[in-house]
Full PDB file with SEQRES, HELIX, SHEET, SSBOND, CRYST1, ORIGX, SCALE, CONECT and MASTER records, all heavy atoms in Angstrom:
SEQRES   1 A   44  THR THR VAL SER LEU VAL ASN ARG THR ALA TYR ASP ILE          
SEQRES   2 A   44  ASN LEU ASN ASP LYS VAL SER GLY CYS LYS TYR LYS TRP          
SEQRES   3 A   44  THR SER ASN ASN PRO GLU VAL ALA LYS VAL ASN PRO LYS          
SEQRES   4 A   44  ASN GLY LEU VAL THR                                          
SHEET    1 AA1 2 TYR A  11  ASP A  12  0                                        
SHEET    2 AA1 2 LEU A  42  VAL A  43 -1                                        
CRYST1    1.000    1.000    1.000  90.00  90.00  90.00 P 1           1          
ORIGX1      1.000000  0.000000  0.000000        0.00000                         
ORIGX2      0.000000  1.000000  0.000000        0.00000                         
ORIGX3      0.000000  0.000000  1.000000        0.00000                         
SCALE1      1.000000  0.000000  0.000000        0.00000                         
SCALE2      0.000000  1.000000  0.000000        0.00000                         
SCALE3      0.000000  0.000000  1.000000        0.00000                         
ATOM      1  N   THR A   1       0.819  -1.214   0.000  1.00  0.00           N  
ATOM      2  CA  THR A   1       0.000   0.000   0.000  1.00  0.00           C  
ATOM      3  C   THR A   1       0.852   1.263   0.000  1.00  0.00           C  
ATOM      4  O   THR A   1       0.344   2.344  -0.286  1.00  0.00           O  
ATOM      5  CB  THR A   1      -0.921   0.008   1.230  1.00  0.00           C  
ATOM      6  OG1 THR A   1      -0.139  -0.161   2.414  1.00  0.00           O  
ATOM      7  CG2 THR A   1      -1.939  -1.122   1.144  1.00  0.00           C  
ATOM      8  N   THR A   2       2.133   1.123   0.330  1.00  0.00           N  
ATOM      9  CA  THR A   2       3.086   2.231   0.261  1.00  0.00           C  
ATOM     10  C   THR A   2       4.387   1.704  -0.322  1.00  0.00           C  
ATOM     11  O   THR A   2       4.907   0.683   0.131  1.00  0.00           O  
ATOM     12  CB  THR A   2       3.362   2.835   1.650  1.00  0.00           C  
ATOM     13  OG1 THR A   2       2.127   3.248   2.235  1.00  0.00           O  
ATOM     14  CG2 THR A   2       4.281   4.051   1.536  1.00  0.00           C  
ATOM     15  N   VAL A   3       4.908   2.413  -1.326  1.00  0.00           N  
ATOM     16  CA  VAL A   3       6.145   1.984  -1.982  1.00  0.00           C  
ATOM     17  C   VAL A   3       7.127   3.164  -1.988  1.00  0.00           C  
ATOM     18  O   VAL A   3       6.759   4.274  -2.390  1.00  0.00           O  
ATOM     19  CB  VAL A   3       5.883   1.517  -3.426  1.00  0.00           C  
ATOM     20  CG1 VAL A   3       7.194   1.097  -4.102  1.00  0.00           C  
ATOM     21  CG2 VAL A   3       4.889   0.353  -3.439  1.00  0.00           C  
ATOM     22  N   SER A   4       8.327   2.910  -1.520  1.00  0.00           N  
ATOM     23  CA  SER A   4       9.394   3.924  -1.562  1.00  0.00           C  
ATOM     24  C   SER A   4      10.466   3.453  -2.533  1.00  0.00           C  
ATOM     25  O   SER A   4      11.022   2.353  -2.373  1.00  0.00           O  
ATOM     26  CB  SER A   4       9.993   4.134  -0.170  1.00  0.00           C  
ATOM     27  OG  SER A   4       9.032   4.653   0.726  1.00  0.00           O  
ATOM     28  N   LEU A   5      10.743   4.283  -3.538  1.00  0.00           N  
ATOM     29  CA  LEU A   5      11.720   3.929  -4.559  1.00  0.00           C  
ATOM     30  C   LEU A   5      12.792   5.013  -4.651  1.00  0.00           C  
ATOM     31  O   LEU A   5      12.536   6.179  -4.357  1.00  0.00           O  
ATOM     32  CB  LEU A   5      11.029   3.793  -5.930  1.00  0.00           C  
ATOM     33  CG  LEU A   5       9.889   2.774  -6.058  1.00  0.00           C  
ATOM     34  CD1 LEU A   5       9.246   2.911  -7.427  1.00  0.00           C  
ATOM     35  CD2 LEU A   5      10.404   1.362  -5.839  1.00  0.00           C  
ATOM     36  N   VAL A   6      13.959   4.597  -5.052  1.00  0.00           N  
ATOM     37  CA  VAL A   6      14.970   5.569  -5.453  1.00  0.00           C  
ATOM     38  C   VAL A   6      14.913   5.655  -6.974  1.00  0.00           C  
ATOM     39  O   VAL A   6      14.323   4.808  -7.645  1.00  0.00           O  
ATOM     40  CB  VAL A   6      16.372   5.167  -4.950  1.00  0.00           C  
ATOM     41  CG1 VAL A   6      16.408   5.158  -3.431  1.00  0.00           C  
ATOM     42  CG2 VAL A   6      16.782   3.813  -5.502  1.00  0.00           C  
ATOM     43  N   ASN A   7      15.531   6.716  -7.505  1.00  0.00           N  
ATOM     44  CA  ASN A   7      15.501   6.902  -8.953  1.00  0.00           C  
ATOM     45  C   ASN A   7      16.029   5.671  -9.678  1.00  0.00           C  
ATOM     46  O   ASN A   7      16.958   4.994  -9.217  1.00  0.00           O  
ATOM     47  CB  ASN A   7      16.338   8.122  -9.344  1.00  0.00           C  
ATOM     48  CG  ASN A   7      15.622   9.416  -9.001  1.00  0.00           C  
ATOM     49  OD1 ASN A   7      14.395   9.443  -8.915  1.00  0.00           O  
ATOM     50  ND2 ASN A   7      16.384  10.489  -8.804  1.00  0.00           N  
ATOM     51  N   ARG A   8      15.359   5.392 -10.816  1.00  0.00           N  
ATOM     52  CA  ARG A   8      15.759   4.307 -11.710  1.00  0.00           C  
ATOM     53  C   ARG A   8      15.577   2.918 -11.101  1.00  0.00           C  
ATOM     54  O   ARG A   8      16.270   1.983 -11.444  1.00  0.00           O  
ATOM     55  CB  ARG A   8      17.220   4.506 -12.170  1.00  0.00           C  
ATOM     56  CG  ARG A   8      17.439   5.794 -12.941  1.00  0.00           C  
ATOM     57  CD  ARG A   8      18.904   6.012 -13.307  1.00  0.00           C  
ATOM     58  NE  ARG A   8      19.718   6.132 -12.121  1.00  0.00           N  
ATOM     59  CZ  ARG A   8      20.828   5.427 -11.913  1.00  0.00           C  
ATOM     60  NH1 ARG A   8      21.256   4.559 -12.809  1.00  0.00           N  
ATOM     61  NH2 ARG A   8      21.539   5.608 -10.813  1.00  0.00           N  
ATOM     62  N   THR A   9      14.630   2.800 -10.158  1.00  0.00           N  
ATOM     63  CA  THR A   9      14.250   1.482  -9.649  1.00  0.00           C  
ATOM     64  C   THR A   9      12.788   1.221 -10.007  1.00  0.00           C  
ATOM     65  O   THR A   9      12.058   2.128 -10.416  1.00  0.00           O  
ATOM     66  CB  THR A   9      14.425   1.376  -8.122  1.00  0.00           C  
ATOM     67  OG1 THR A   9      13.613   2.367  -7.475  1.00  0.00           O  
ATOM     68  CG2 THR A   9      15.875   1.559  -7.728  1.00  0.00           C  
ATOM     69  N   ALA A  10      12.392  -0.015  -9.847  1.00  0.00           N  
ATOM     70  CA  ALA A  10      11.025  -0.401 -10.186  1.00  0.00           C  
ATOM     71  C   ALA A  10      10.516  -1.424  -9.163  1.00  0.00           C  
ATOM     72  O   ALA A  10      11.302  -2.097  -8.493  1.00  0.00           O  
ATOM     73  CB  ALA A  10      10.960  -0.984 -11.595  1.00  0.00           C  
ATOM     74  N   TYR A  11       9.205  -1.502  -9.078  1.00  0.00           N  
ATOM     75  CA  TYR A  11       8.594  -2.498  -8.200  1.00  0.00           C  
ATOM     76  C   TYR A  11       7.286  -2.965  -8.833  1.00  0.00           C  
ATOM     77  O   TYR A  11       6.479  -2.160  -9.310  1.00  0.00           O  
ATOM     78  CB  TYR A  11       8.324  -1.933  -6.804  1.00  0.00           C  
ATOM     79  CG  TYR A  11       7.671  -2.942  -5.880  1.00  0.00           C  
ATOM     80  CD1 TYR A  11       8.419  -3.992  -5.365  1.00  0.00           C  
ATOM     81  CD2 TYR A  11       6.312  -2.865  -5.561  1.00  0.00           C  
ATOM     82  CE1 TYR A  11       7.827  -4.939  -4.537  1.00  0.00           C  
ATOM     83  CE2 TYR A  11       5.725  -3.801  -4.741  1.00  0.00           C  
ATOM     84  CZ  TYR A  11       6.490  -4.847  -4.233  1.00  0.00           C  
ATOM     85  OH  TYR A  11       5.919  -5.794  -3.426  1.00  0.00           O  
ATOM     86  N   ASP A  12       7.087  -4.274  -8.808  1.00  0.00           N  
ATOM     87  CA  ASP A  12       5.885  -4.876  -9.390  1.00  0.00           C  
ATOM     88  C   ASP A  12       4.841  -5.057  -8.290  1.00  0.00           C  
ATOM     89  O   ASP A  12       4.956  -5.961  -7.459  1.00  0.00           O  
ATOM     90  CB  ASP A  12       6.248  -6.228 -10.025  1.00  0.00           C  
ATOM     91  CG  ASP A  12       5.094  -6.823 -10.828  1.00  0.00           C  
ATOM     92  OD1 ASP A  12       4.065  -6.133 -10.964  1.00  0.00           O  
ATOM     93  OD2 ASP A  12       5.232  -7.955 -11.307  1.00  0.00           O  
ATOM     94  N   ILE A  13       3.852  -4.160  -8.263  1.00  0.00           N  
ATOM     95  CA  ILE A  13       2.772  -4.297  -7.274  1.00  0.00           C  
ATOM     96  C   ILE A  13       1.849  -5.433  -7.720  1.00  0.00           C  
ATOM     97  O   ILE A  13       1.306  -5.403  -8.823  1.00  0.00           O  
ATOM     98  CB  ILE A  13       1.964  -2.990  -7.137  1.00  0.00           C  
ATOM     99  CG1 ILE A  13       2.879  -1.833  -6.752  1.00  0.00           C  
ATOM    100  CG2 ILE A  13       0.863  -3.156  -6.094  1.00  0.00           C  
ATOM    101  CD1 ILE A  13       2.168  -0.496  -6.659  1.00  0.00           C  
ATOM    102  N   ASN A  14       1.678  -6.395  -6.863  1.00  0.00           N  
ATOM    103  CA  ASN A  14       0.827  -7.547  -7.179  1.00  0.00           C  
ATOM    104  C   ASN A  14      -0.456  -7.509  -6.369  1.00  0.00           C  
ATOM    105  O   ASN A  14      -0.636  -6.654  -5.484  1.00  0.00           O  
ATOM    106  CB  ASN A  14       1.573  -8.851  -6.921  1.00  0.00           C  
ATOM    107  CG  ASN A  14       2.641  -9.104  -7.966  1.00  0.00           C  
ATOM    108  OD1 ASN A  14       2.377  -9.006  -9.155  1.00  0.00           O  
ATOM    109  ND2 ASN A  14       3.856  -9.412  -7.525  1.00  0.00           N  
ATOM    110  N   LEU A  15      -1.323  -8.452  -6.665  1.00  0.00           N  
ATOM    111  CA  LEU A  15      -2.618  -8.555  -5.986  1.00  0.00           C  
ATOM    112  C   LEU A  15      -2.710  -9.853  -5.203  1.00  0.00           C  
ATOM    113  O   LEU A  15      -2.334 -10.922  -5.699  1.00  0.00           O  
ATOM    114  CB  LEU A  15      -3.761  -8.502  -6.998  1.00  0.00           C  
ATOM    115  CG  LEU A  15      -4.068  -7.123  -7.580  1.00  0.00           C  
ATOM    116  CD1 LEU A  15      -4.781  -7.265  -8.910  1.00  0.00           C  
ATOM    117  CD2 LEU A  15      -4.922  -6.317  -6.618  1.00  0.00           C  
ATOM    118  N   ASN A  16      -3.205  -9.742  -3.978  1.00  0.00           N  
ATOM    119  CA  ASN A  16      -3.547 -10.926  -3.196  1.00  0.00           C  
ATOM    120  C   ASN A  16      -5.003 -11.299  -3.473  1.00  0.00           C  
ATOM    121  O   ASN A  16      -5.846 -10.433  -3.695  1.00  0.00           O  
ATOM    122  CB  ASN A  16      -3.389 -10.644  -1.699  1.00  0.00           C  
ATOM    123  CG  ASN A  16      -1.966 -10.315  -1.325  1.00  0.00           C  
ATOM    124  OD1 ASN A  16      -1.024 -10.970  -1.740  1.00  0.00           O  
ATOM    125  ND2 ASN A  16      -1.796  -9.264  -0.517  1.00  0.00           N  
ATOM    126  N   ASP A  17      -5.301 -12.598  -3.428  1.00  0.00           N  
ATOM    127  CA  ASP A  17      -6.682 -13.101  -3.535  1.00  0.00           C  
ATOM    128  C   ASP A  17      -7.380 -12.622  -4.805  1.00  0.00           C  
ATOM    129  O   ASP A  17      -8.493 -12.073  -4.771  1.00  0.00           O  
ATOM    130  CB  ASP A  17      -7.512 -12.697  -2.304  1.00  0.00           C  
ATOM    131  CG  ASP A  17      -6.927 -13.227  -1.019  1.00  0.00           C  
ATOM    132  OD1 ASP A  17      -6.477 -14.388  -1.016  1.00  0.00           O  
ATOM    133  OD2 ASP A  17      -6.912 -12.488  -0.029  1.00  0.00           O  
ATOM    134  N   LYS A  18      -6.736 -12.832  -5.932  1.00  0.00           N  
ATOM    135  CA  LYS A  18      -7.369 -12.478  -7.204  1.00  0.00           C  
ATOM    136  C   LYS A  18      -8.652 -13.275  -7.411  1.00  0.00           C  
ATOM    137  O   LYS A  18      -8.756 -14.425  -6.989  1.00  0.00           O  
ATOM    138  CB  LYS A  18      -6.405 -12.751  -8.361  1.00  0.00           C  
ATOM    139  CG  LYS A  18      -5.353 -11.674  -8.582  1.00  0.00           C  
ATOM    140  CD  LYS A  18      -4.597 -11.936  -9.875  1.00  0.00           C  
ATOM    141  CE  LYS A  18      -3.644 -10.794 -10.207  1.00  0.00           C  
ATOM    142  NZ  LYS A  18      -2.950 -11.035 -11.494  1.00  0.00           N  
ATOM    143  N   VAL A  19      -9.607 -12.648  -8.063  1.00  0.00           N  
ATOM    144  CA  VAL A  19     -10.885 -13.298  -8.370  1.00  0.00           C  
ATOM    145  C   VAL A  19     -10.920 -13.610  -9.860  1.00  0.00           C  
ATOM    146  O   VAL A  19     -10.659 -12.738 -10.692  1.00  0.00           O  
ATOM    147  CB  VAL A  19     -12.073 -12.397  -7.983  1.00  0.00           C  
ATOM    148  CG1 VAL A  19     -13.394 -13.045  -8.394  1.00  0.00           C  
ATOM    149  CG2 VAL A  19     -12.051 -12.111  -6.484  1.00  0.00           C  
ATOM    150  N   SER A  20     -11.235 -14.852 -10.185  1.00  0.00           N  
ATOM    151  CA  SER A  20     -11.247 -15.280 -11.578  1.00  0.00           C  
ATOM    152  C   SER A  20     -12.260 -14.479 -12.391  1.00  0.00           C  
ATOM    153  O   SER A  20     -13.367 -14.193 -11.925  1.00  0.00           O  
ATOM    154  CB  SER A  20     -11.581 -16.769 -11.658  1.00  0.00           C  
ATOM    155  OG  SER A  20     -11.664 -17.203 -12.991  1.00  0.00           O  
ATOM    156  N   GLY A  21     -11.856 -14.123 -13.600  1.00  0.00           N  
ATOM    157  CA  GLY A  21     -12.762 -13.427 -14.504  1.00  0.00           C  
ATOM    158  C   GLY A  21     -12.774 -11.921 -14.364  1.00  0.00           C  
ATOM    159  O   GLY A  21     -13.556 -11.244 -15.038  1.00  0.00           O  
ATOM    160  N   CYS A  22     -11.915 -11.379 -13.488  1.00  0.00           N  
ATOM    161  CA  CYS A  22     -11.878  -9.923 -13.290  1.00  0.00           C  
ATOM    162  C   CYS A  22     -10.986  -9.241 -14.329  1.00  0.00           C  
ATOM    163  O   CYS A  22     -10.096  -9.855 -14.925  1.00  0.00           O  
ATOM    164  CB  CYS A  22     -11.357  -9.583 -11.890  1.00  0.00           C  
ATOM    165  SG  CYS A  22     -12.500  -9.989 -10.565  1.00  0.00           S  
ATOM    166  N   LYS A  23     -11.229  -7.949 -14.518  1.00  0.00           N  
ATOM    167  CA  LYS A  23     -10.379  -7.111 -15.358  1.00  0.00           C  
ATOM    168  C   LYS A  23      -9.670  -6.103 -14.457  1.00  0.00           C  
ATOM    169  O   LYS A  23     -10.270  -5.570 -13.519  1.00  0.00           O  
ATOM    170  CB  LYS A  23     -11.210  -6.393 -16.420  1.00  0.00           C  
ATOM    171  CG  LYS A  23     -11.911  -7.326 -17.390  1.00  0.00           C  
ATOM    172  CD  LYS A  23     -12.776  -6.543 -18.373  1.00  0.00           C  
ATOM    173  CE  LYS A  23     -13.520  -7.473 -19.318  1.00  0.00           C  
ATOM    174  NZ  LYS A  23     -14.391  -6.721 -20.257  1.00  0.00           N  
ATOM    175  N   TYR A  24      -8.364  -5.817 -14.763  1.00  0.00           N  
ATOM    176  CA  TYR A  24      -7.554  -4.943 -13.934  1.00  0.00           C  
ATOM    177  C   TYR A  24      -6.977  -3.813 -14.792  1.00  0.00           C  
ATOM    178  O   TYR A  24      -6.420  -4.065 -15.865  1.00  0.00           O  
ATOM    179  CB  TYR A  24      -6.419  -5.724 -13.269  1.00  0.00           C  
ATOM    180  CG  TYR A  24      -6.905  -6.896 -12.450  1.00  0.00           C  
ATOM    181  CD1 TYR A  24      -7.085  -8.156 -13.031  1.00  0.00           C  
ATOM    182  CD2 TYR A  24      -7.211  -6.757 -11.103  1.00  0.00           C  
ATOM    183  CE1 TYR A  24      -7.550  -9.225 -12.279  1.00  0.00           C  
ATOM    184  CE2 TYR A  24      -7.669  -7.821 -10.348  1.00  0.00           C  
ATOM    185  CZ  TYR A  24      -7.829  -9.065 -10.945  1.00  0.00           C  
ATOM    186  OH  TYR A  24      -8.279 -10.119 -10.200  1.00  0.00           O  
ATOM    187  N   LYS A  25      -7.099  -2.592 -14.297  1.00  0.00           N  
ATOM    188  CA  LYS A  25      -6.548  -1.440 -15.002  1.00  0.00           C  
ATOM    189  C   LYS A  25      -5.750  -0.602 -14.010  1.00  0.00           C  
ATOM    190  O   LYS A  25      -6.272  -0.149 -12.990  1.00  0.00           O  
ATOM    191  CB  LYS A  25      -7.669  -0.595 -15.618  1.00  0.00           C  
ATOM    192  CG  LYS A  25      -7.159   0.605 -16.399  1.00  0.00           C  
ATOM    193  CD  LYS A  25      -8.322   1.417 -16.955  1.00  0.00           C  
ATOM    194  CE  LYS A  25      -7.809   2.647 -17.706  1.00  0.00           C  
ATOM    195  NZ  LYS A  25      -8.937   3.473 -18.223  1.00  0.00           N  
ATOM    196  N   TRP A  26      -4.436  -0.382 -14.341  1.00  0.00           N  
ATOM    197  CA  TRP A  26      -3.535   0.360 -13.465  1.00  0.00           C  
ATOM    198  C   TRP A  26      -3.288   1.750 -14.047  1.00  0.00           C  
ATOM    199  O   TRP A  26      -3.070   1.907 -15.249  1.00  0.00           O  
ATOM    200  CB  TRP A  26      -2.200  -0.368 -13.327  1.00  0.00           C  
ATOM    201  CG  TRP A  26      -2.302  -1.738 -12.709  1.00  0.00           C  
ATOM    202  CD1 TRP A  26      -2.628  -2.896 -13.338  1.00  0.00           C  
ATOM    203  CD2 TRP A  26      -2.071  -2.070 -11.342  1.00  0.00           C  
ATOM    204  NE1 TRP A  26      -2.615  -3.944 -12.453  1.00  0.00           N  
ATOM    205  CE2 TRP A  26      -2.272  -3.465 -11.218  1.00  0.00           C  
ATOM    206  CE3 TRP A  26      -1.701  -1.337 -10.214  1.00  0.00           C  
ATOM    207  CZ2 TRP A  26      -2.118  -4.131 -10.010  1.00  0.00           C  
ATOM    208  CZ3 TRP A  26      -1.546  -1.996  -9.005  1.00  0.00           C  
ATOM    209  CH2 TRP A  26      -1.762  -3.382  -8.901  1.00  0.00           C  
ATOM    210  N   THR A  27      -3.306   2.766 -13.173  1.00  0.00           N  
ATOM    211  CA  THR A  27      -3.011   4.138 -13.597  1.00  0.00           C  
ATOM    212  C   THR A  27      -2.186   4.852 -12.540  1.00  0.00           C  
ATOM    213  O   THR A  27      -2.195   4.462 -11.360  1.00  0.00           O  
ATOM    214  CB  THR A  27      -4.308   4.947 -13.842  1.00  0.00           C  
ATOM    215  OG1 THR A  27      -5.094   4.947 -12.634  1.00  0.00           O  
ATOM    216  CG2 THR A  27      -5.111   4.372 -14.993  1.00  0.00           C  
ATOM    217  N   SER A  28      -1.463   5.894 -12.967  1.00  0.00           N  
ATOM    218  CA  SER A  28      -0.705   6.760 -12.062  1.00  0.00           C  
ATOM    219  C   SER A  28      -1.229   8.179 -12.200  1.00  0.00           C  
ATOM    220  O   SER A  28      -1.454   8.659 -13.312  1.00  0.00           O  
ATOM    221  CB  SER A  28       0.787   6.719 -12.399  1.00  0.00           C  
ATOM    222  OG  SER A  28       1.487   7.719 -11.660  1.00  0.00           O  
ATOM    223  N   ASN A  29      -1.410   8.854 -11.065  1.00  0.00           N  
ATOM    224  CA  ASN A  29      -1.879  10.234 -11.132  1.00  0.00           C  
ATOM    225  C   ASN A  29      -0.737  11.220 -11.380  1.00  0.00           C  
ATOM    226  O   ASN A  29      -0.969  12.412 -11.588  1.00  0.00           O  
ATOM    227  CB  ASN A  29      -2.629  10.613  -9.857  1.00  0.00           C  
ATOM    228  CG  ASN A  29      -1.703  10.833  -8.676  1.00  0.00           C  
ATOM    229  OD1 ASN A  29      -0.596  10.272  -8.620  1.00  0.00           O  
ATOM    230  ND2 ASN A  29      -2.135  11.650  -7.724  1.00  0.00           N  
ATOM    231  N   ASN A  30       0.498  10.692 -11.362  1.00  0.00           N  
ATOM    232  CA  ASN A  30       1.661  11.560 -11.569  1.00  0.00           C  
ATOM    233  C   ASN A  30       2.762  10.760 -12.270  1.00  0.00           C  
ATOM    234  O   ASN A  30       3.768  10.395 -11.659  1.00  0.00           O  
ATOM    235  CB  ASN A  30       2.153  12.112 -10.233  1.00  0.00           C  
ATOM    236  CG  ASN A  30       3.100  13.273 -10.394  1.00  0.00           C  
ATOM    237  OD1 ASN A  30       3.527  13.597 -11.509  1.00  0.00           O  
ATOM    238  ND2 ASN A  30       3.463  13.923  -9.289  1.00  0.00           N  
ATOM    239  N   PRO A  31       2.566  10.476 -13.552  1.00  0.00           N  
ATOM    240  CA  PRO A  31       3.541   9.640 -14.261  1.00  0.00           C  
ATOM    241  C   PRO A  31       4.928  10.277 -14.395  1.00  0.00           C  
ATOM    242  O   PRO A  31       5.880   9.570 -14.706  1.00  0.00           O  
ATOM    243  CB  PRO A  31       2.885   9.425 -15.626  1.00  0.00           C  
ATOM    244  CG  PRO A  31       1.888  10.514 -15.772  1.00  0.00           C  
ATOM    245  CD  PRO A  31       1.417  10.842 -14.398  1.00  0.00           C  
ATOM    246  N   GLU A  32       5.044  11.577 -14.156  1.00  0.00           N  
ATOM    247  CA  GLU A  32       6.367  12.205 -14.190  1.00  0.00           C  
ATOM    248  C   GLU A  32       7.194  11.819 -12.975  1.00  0.00           C  
ATOM    249  O   GLU A  32       8.411  11.961 -12.985  1.00  0.00           O  
ATOM    250  CB  GLU A  32       6.215  13.724 -14.268  1.00  0.00           C  
ATOM    251  CG  GLU A  32       5.589  14.212 -15.578  1.00  0.00           C  
ATOM    252  CD  GLU A  32       5.469  15.724 -15.631  1.00  0.00           C  
ATOM    253  OE1 GLU A  32       5.796  16.365 -14.603  1.00  0.00           O  
ATOM    254  OE2 GLU A  32       5.055  16.252 -16.668  1.00  0.00           O  
ATOM    255  N   VAL A  33       6.533  11.340 -11.932  1.00  0.00           N  
ATOM    256  CA  VAL A  33       7.239  10.864 -10.736  1.00  0.00           C  
ATOM    257  C   VAL A  33       7.343   9.344 -10.760  1.00  0.00           C  
ATOM    258  O   VAL A  33       8.417   8.763 -10.542  1.00  0.00           O  
ATOM    259  CB  VAL A  33       6.512  11.327  -9.455  1.00  0.00           C  
ATOM    260  CG1 VAL A  33       7.115  10.658  -8.213  1.00  0.00           C  
ATOM    261  CG2 VAL A  33       6.592  12.835  -9.329  1.00  0.00           C  
ATOM    262  N   ALA A  34       6.237   8.692 -11.028  1.00  0.00           N  
ATOM    263  CA  ALA A  34       6.221   7.223 -11.089  1.00  0.00           C  
ATOM    264  C   ALA A  34       5.206   6.795 -12.135  1.00  0.00           C  
ATOM    265  O   ALA A  34       4.037   7.191 -12.073  1.00  0.00           O  
ATOM    266  CB  ALA A  34       5.877   6.629  -9.736  1.00  0.00           C  
ATOM    267  N   LYS A  35       5.644   6.016 -13.081  1.00  0.00           N  
ATOM    268  CA  LYS A  35       4.729   5.500 -14.096  1.00  0.00           C  
ATOM    269  C   LYS A  35       4.431   4.030 -13.800  1.00  0.00           C  
ATOM    270  O   LYS A  35       5.198   3.354 -13.101  1.00  0.00           O  
ATOM    271  CB  LYS A  35       5.324   5.659 -15.486  1.00  0.00           C  
ATOM    272  CG  LYS A  35       6.642   4.943 -15.708  1.00  0.00           C  
ATOM    273  CD  LYS A  35       7.196   5.230 -17.098  1.00  0.00           C  
ATOM    274  CE  LYS A  35       8.516   4.478 -17.330  1.00  0.00           C  
ATOM    275  NZ  LYS A  35       9.060   4.745 -18.693  1.00  0.00           N  
ATOM    276  N   VAL A  36       3.311   3.549 -14.335  1.00  0.00           N  
ATOM    277  CA  VAL A  36       2.895   2.177 -14.059  1.00  0.00           C  
ATOM    278  C   VAL A  36       2.420   1.532 -15.346  1.00  0.00           C  
ATOM    279  O   VAL A  36       1.763   2.169 -16.178  1.00  0.00           O  
ATOM    280  CB  VAL A  36       1.779   2.135 -12.983  1.00  0.00           C  
ATOM    281  CG1 VAL A  36       0.533   2.867 -13.443  1.00  0.00           C  
ATOM    282  CG2 VAL A  36       1.451   0.702 -12.580  1.00  0.00           C  
ATOM    283  N   ASN A  37       2.760   0.270 -15.494  1.00  0.00           N  
ATOM    284  CA  ASN A  37       2.264  -0.495 -16.631  1.00  0.00           C  
ATOM    285  C   ASN A  37       0.760  -0.719 -16.434  1.00  0.00           C  
ATOM    286  O   ASN A  37       0.343  -1.273 -15.411  1.00  0.00           O  
ATOM    287  CB  ASN A  37       2.987  -1.838 -16.716  1.00  0.00           C  
ATOM    288  CG  ASN A  37       2.630  -2.622 -17.963  1.00  0.00           C  
ATOM    289  OD1 ASN A  37       1.465  -2.886 -18.228  1.00  0.00           O  
ATOM    290  ND2 ASN A  37       3.643  -3.013 -18.718  1.00  0.00           N  
ATOM    291  N   PRO A  38      -0.095  -0.296 -17.368  1.00  0.00           N  
ATOM    292  CA  PRO A  38      -1.546  -0.371 -17.160  1.00  0.00           C  
ATOM    293  C   PRO A  38      -2.083  -1.794 -17.063  1.00  0.00           C  
ATOM    294  O   PRO A  38      -3.202  -2.002 -16.601  1.00  0.00           O  
ATOM    295  CB  PRO A  38      -2.114   0.346 -18.389  1.00  0.00           C  
ATOM    296  CG  PRO A  38      -1.049   0.248 -19.434  1.00  0.00           C  
ATOM    297  CD  PRO A  38       0.250   0.287 -18.692  1.00  0.00           C  
ATOM    298  N   LYS A  39      -1.291  -2.789 -17.486  1.00  0.00           N  
ATOM    299  CA  LYS A  39      -1.772  -4.167 -17.488  1.00  0.00           C  
ATOM    300  C   LYS A  39      -1.304  -4.981 -16.290  1.00  0.00           C  
ATOM    301  O   LYS A  39      -2.040  -5.840 -15.791  1.00  0.00           O  
ATOM    302  CB  LYS A  39      -1.348  -4.865 -18.778  1.00  0.00           C  
ATOM    303  CG  LYS A  39      -2.003  -4.274 -20.026  1.00  0.00           C  
ATOM    304  CD  LYS A  39      -1.589  -5.048 -21.263  1.00  0.00           C  
ATOM    305  CE  LYS A  39      -2.261  -4.482 -22.522  1.00  0.00           C  
ATOM    306  NZ  LYS A  39      -1.863  -5.235 -23.741  1.00  0.00           N  
ATOM    307  N   ASN A  40      -0.067  -4.733 -15.843  1.00  0.00           N  
ATOM    308  CA  ASN A  40       0.482  -5.635 -14.820  1.00  0.00           C  
ATOM    309  C   ASN A  40       0.898  -4.965 -13.513  1.00  0.00           C  
ATOM    310  O   ASN A  40       1.352  -5.641 -12.596  1.00  0.00           O  
ATOM    311  CB  ASN A  40       1.659  -6.430 -15.382  1.00  0.00           C  
ATOM    312  CG  ASN A  40       2.789  -5.528 -15.862  1.00  0.00           C  
ATOM    313  OD1 ASN A  40       2.933  -4.391 -15.414  1.00  0.00           O  
ATOM    314  ND2 ASN A  40       3.603  -6.043 -16.794  1.00  0.00           N  
ATOM    315  N   GLY A  41       0.816  -3.631 -13.401  1.00  0.00           N  
ATOM    316  CA  GLY A  41       1.123  -2.968 -12.139  1.00  0.00           C  
ATOM    317  C   GLY A  41       2.592  -2.744 -11.859  1.00  0.00           C  
ATOM    318  O   GLY A  41       2.964  -2.428 -10.719  1.00  0.00           O  
ATOM    319  N   LEU A  42       3.468  -2.862 -12.858  1.00  0.00           N  
ATOM    320  CA  LEU A  42       4.892  -2.611 -12.654  1.00  0.00           C  
ATOM    321  C   LEU A  42       5.127  -1.103 -12.571  1.00  0.00           C  
ATOM    322  O   LEU A  42       4.870  -0.370 -13.526  1.00  0.00           O  
ATOM    323  CB  LEU A  42       5.709  -3.215 -13.791  1.00  0.00           C  
ATOM    324  CG  LEU A  42       7.220  -2.992 -13.711  1.00  0.00           C  
ATOM    325  CD1 LEU A  42       7.809  -3.677 -12.483  1.00  0.00           C  
ATOM    326  CD2 LEU A  42       7.907  -3.473 -14.987  1.00  0.00           C  
ATOM    327  N   VAL A  43       5.622  -0.654 -11.412  1.00  0.00           N  
ATOM    328  CA  VAL A  43       5.844   0.774 -11.161  1.00  0.00           C  
ATOM    329  C   VAL A  43       7.319   1.083 -11.358  1.00  0.00           C  
ATOM    330  O   VAL A  43       8.192   0.388 -10.828  1.00  0.00           O  
ATOM    331  CB  VAL A  43       5.414   1.155  -9.733  1.00  0.00           C  
ATOM    332  CG1 VAL A  43       5.691   2.638  -9.467  1.00  0.00           C  
ATOM    333  CG2 VAL A  43       3.946   0.836  -9.517  1.00  0.00           C  
ATOM    334  N   THR A  44       7.595   2.164 -12.093  1.00  0.00           N  
ATOM    335  CA  THR A  44       8.976   2.591 -12.345  1.00  0.00           C  
ATOM    336  C   THR A  44       9.157   4.024 -11.863  1.00  0.00           C  
ATOM    337  O   THR A  44       8.360   4.910 -12.208  1.00  0.00           O  
ATOM    338  CB  THR A  44       9.305   2.515 -13.843  1.00  0.00           C  
ATOM    339  OG1 THR A  44       9.092   1.169 -14.299  1.00  0.00           O  
ATOM    340  CG2 THR A  44      10.755   2.912 -14.100  1.00  0.00           C  
TER     341      THR A  44                                                      
MASTER        0    0    0    0    2    0    0    6  340    1    0    4          
END                                                                             
């Protein structure tokens, strides 16, 4: 729920207790600070 990164690092935020048949969409409100892959939650 909280991620601290230094420049040029990344972290893959995962989900616990996934429910079959769901759709997931990832977004960042400030991609100039941290961007996220919209499909898998990888934060850079």
